[in-house]
């Protein structure tokens, strides 16, 4: 399956294909021939409970590659890179078990997510750098930062 460029420059979304049968399913997530990671640094896993918002943070050097394996999340990206053609553009992506995908988040893009529904989110993230506790490549921005101005409320329709 072909990768899709995101609304924000350099963001790539890889739709995932699932093969189901009477035993369950099989899904390829990341392959070395996808060309998504400049280099491999680390894979991490996190669980977040319903209603949680984890936002925002960004990296100077590190690219992230996110896969929501269980539950549903609203992923929000904000382009902070002054030289980017999509500088200050916000993008939201609904990802998870109902919409399986990989999301490549380049360095300089602020990112975060909100757990949707009544189930936790299980998120795997692959990074181009290993985490360094002495000098973490992670800058925090409040979830309600006025520059980003994202409305996290849910709109019932």
Protein backbone atom coordinates (compact mmCIF):
# COMPACT_ATOMS: atom_id res chain seq x y z
CA UNK A 1 0.00 0.00 0.00
CA UNK A 2 1.25 3.48 -0.86
CA UNK A 3 2.15 6.00 1.84
CA UNK A 4 0.15 9.22 1.92
CA UNK A 5 1.64 12.67 2.54
CA UNK A 6 -0.01 14.49 5.41
CA UNK A 7 -1.47 17.99 5.41
CA UNK A 8 1.75 19.16 7.09
CA UNK A 9 4.92 19.09 4.98
CA UNK A 10 7.05 15.95 5.60
CA UNK A 11 4.34 14.20 7.66
CA UNK A 12 3.68 10.76 6.15
CA UNK A 13 0.75 8.47 6.90
CA UNK A 14 1.01 4.78 6.03
CA UNK A 15 -2.39 3.06 5.96
CA UNK A 16 -2.03 -0.46 7.34
CA UNK A 17 -3.46 -3.57 5.73
CA UNK A 18 -5.05 -6.23 7.91
CA UNK A 19 -5.50 -9.87 6.91
CA UNK A 20 -8.36 -11.46 8.86
CA UNK A 21 -9.60 -15.03 9.08
CA UNK A 22 -11.38 -17.30 11.56
CA UNK A 23 -8.35 -17.27 13.91
CA UNK A 24 -8.01 -13.49 14.21
CA UNK A 25 -5.88 -11.13 12.13
CA UNK A 26 -2.34 -10.34 10.99
CA UNK A 27 -1.11 -6.79 10.34
CA UNK A 28 2.29 -5.64 9.10
CA UNK A 29 3.18 -2.37 10.84
CA UNK A 30 6.72 -1.28 9.92
CA UNK A 31 9.08 -2.66 7.31
CA UNK A 32 12.68 -1.76 6.55
CA UNK A 33 11.71 -1.06 2.92
CA UNK A 34 9.03 1.51 3.93
CA UNK A 35 11.72 4.21 4.00
CA UNK A 36 10.02 5.95 6.92
CA UNK A 37 12.81 6.09 9.53
CA UNK A 38 16.11 7.83 8.73
CA UNK A 39 17.61 5.51 11.33
CA UNK A 40 16.34 3.34 14.15
CA UNK A 41 16.77 4.60 17.69
CA UNK A 42 14.20 2.99 19.96
CA UNK A 43 10.68 1.52 20.17
CA UNK A 44 8.54 2.44 23.16
CA UNK A 45 5.01 1.59 24.28
CA UNK A 46 2.54 3.56 26.38
CA UNK A 47 -0.98 3.08 27.69
CA UNK A 48 -3.30 6.05 28.26
CA UNK A 49 -6.73 5.97 29.88
CA UNK A 50 -10.01 7.28 28.42
CA UNK A 51 -10.29 11.06 28.34
CA UNK A 52 -6.54 11.66 28.72
CA UNK A 53 -4.87 14.38 26.66
CA UNK A 54 -1.10 14.03 26.26
CA UNK A 55 0.01 17.19 24.53
CA UNK A 56 2.11 18.90 23.34
CA UNK A 57 5.81 18.16 22.93
CA UNK A 58 8.34 18.33 20.11
CA UNK A 59 11.89 17.23 19.33
CA UNK A 60 14.85 19.09 17.83
CA UNK A 61 16.55 15.99 16.33
CA UNK A 62 14.21 13.05 16.71
CA UNK A 63 11.51 11.83 14.32
CA UNK A 64 8.65 9.81 15.81
CA UNK A 65 6.66 7.09 14.08
CA UNK A 66 3.37 6.40 15.89
CA UNK A 67 1.11 3.34 15.78
CA UNK A 68 -2.07 3.23 17.89
CA UNK A 69 -2.56 -0.52 18.34
CA UNK A 70 -5.64 -0.49 20.58
CA UNK A 71 -8.33 2.12 21.17
CA UNK A 72 -8.81 5.33 19.21
CA UNK A 73 -6.90 8.59 19.45
CA UNK A 74 -7.19 12.05 18.01
CA UNK A 75 -3.60 12.87 17.05
CA UNK A 76 -2.86 16.59 16.72
CA UNK A 77 0.20 17.95 14.92
CA UNK A 78 1.40 21.55 14.73
CA UNK A 79 4.21 22.65 12.40
CA UNK A 80 6.67 24.81 14.38
CA UNK A 81 9.38 24.83 11.69
CA UNK A 82 9.79 28.43 10.38
CA UNK A 83 11.33 27.23 7.08
CA UNK A 84 8.49 24.79 6.34
CA UNK A 85 5.86 25.60 3.68
CA UNK A 86 3.24 24.52 6.25
CA UNK A 87 4.62 26.62 9.15
CA UNK A 88 1.92 27.07 11.84
CA UNK A 89 -0.47 24.60 10.19
CA UNK A 90 -2.40 22.26 12.48
CA UNK A 91 -3.44 18.76 11.43
CA UNK A 92 -5.67 16.29 13.25
CA UNK A 93 -5.70 12.58 12.48
CA UNK A 94 -8.01 9.92 13.90
CA UNK A 95 -5.91 6.79 14.36
CA UNK A 96 -6.33 3.47 16.08
CA UNK A 97 -7.95 0.10 15.77
CA UNK A 98 -10.80 1.49 13.63
CA UNK A 99 -8.36 3.34 11.36
CA UNK A 100 -4.96 1.56 11.51
CA UNK A 101 -1.97 3.55 10.28
CA UNK A 102 1.58 4.66 10.96
CA UNK A 103 2.15 8.40 11.37
CA UNK A 104 5.62 9.82 10.69
CA UNK A 105 6.12 12.95 12.80
CA UNK A 106 9.32 14.78 11.77
CA UNK A 107 11.51 16.73 14.19
CA UNK A 108 10.14 20.21 14.82
CA UNK A 109 6.47 19.19 14.65
CA UNK A 110 4.64 19.60 17.96
CA UNK A 111 2.46 16.57 18.62
CA UNK A 112 0.05 15.11 21.10
CA UNK A 113 -3.10 13.05 21.34
CA UNK A 114 -6.42 12.62 23.07
CA UNK A 115 -7.90 9.24 23.96
CA UNK A 116 -11.36 8.88 22.44
CA UNK A 117 -14.14 6.59 23.65
CA UNK A 118 -14.24 4.42 26.75
CA UNK A 119 -11.19 2.22 26.10
CA UNK A 120 -7.52 2.95 26.77
CA UNK A 121 -5.10 3.72 23.95
CA UNK A 122 -2.06 1.51 23.46
CA UNK A 123 0.51 3.48 21.49
CA UNK A 124 3.77 2.15 20.06
CA UNK A 125 6.25 4.76 18.96
CA UNK A 126 9.44 4.17 17.06
CA UNK A 127 12.04 6.95 17.16
CA UNK A 128 15.20 7.86 15.30
CA UNK A 129 17.06 8.53 18.56
CA UNK A 130 17.33 6.57 21.80
CA UNK A 131 16.06 8.41 24.86
CA UNK A 132 18.85 10.16 26.76
CA UNK A 133 17.82 10.88 30.36
CA UNK A 134 20.76 13.28 30.87
CA UNK A 135 19.84 15.38 27.80
CA UNK A 136 16.30 14.56 26.67
CA UNK A 137 15.36 15.81 23.19
CA UNK A 138 11.87 16.79 24.28
CA UNK A 139 10.43 20.27 24.67
CA UNK A 140 7.02 20.64 26.29
CA UNK A 141 4.17 22.95 25.27
CA UNK A 142 0.90 23.13 27.27
CA UNK A 143 -2.06 21.35 25.69
CA UNK A 144 -3.96 24.66 25.64
CA UNK A 145 -1.12 26.76 24.19
CA UNK A 146 -2.67 29.93 22.69
CA UNK A 147 -0.30 29.91 19.68
CA UNK A 148 -1.55 26.47 18.64
CA UNK A 149 -5.10 27.27 19.75
CA UNK A 150 -6.43 23.73 19.32
CA UNK A 151 -9.97 23.05 20.59
CA UNK A 152 -9.83 19.66 22.35
CA UNK A 153 -13.57 19.57 23.05
CA UNK A 154 -15.60 16.79 21.47
CA UNK A 155 -18.39 17.86 19.15
CA UNK A 156 -21.38 15.55 19.32
CA UNK A 157 -23.32 15.29 16.09
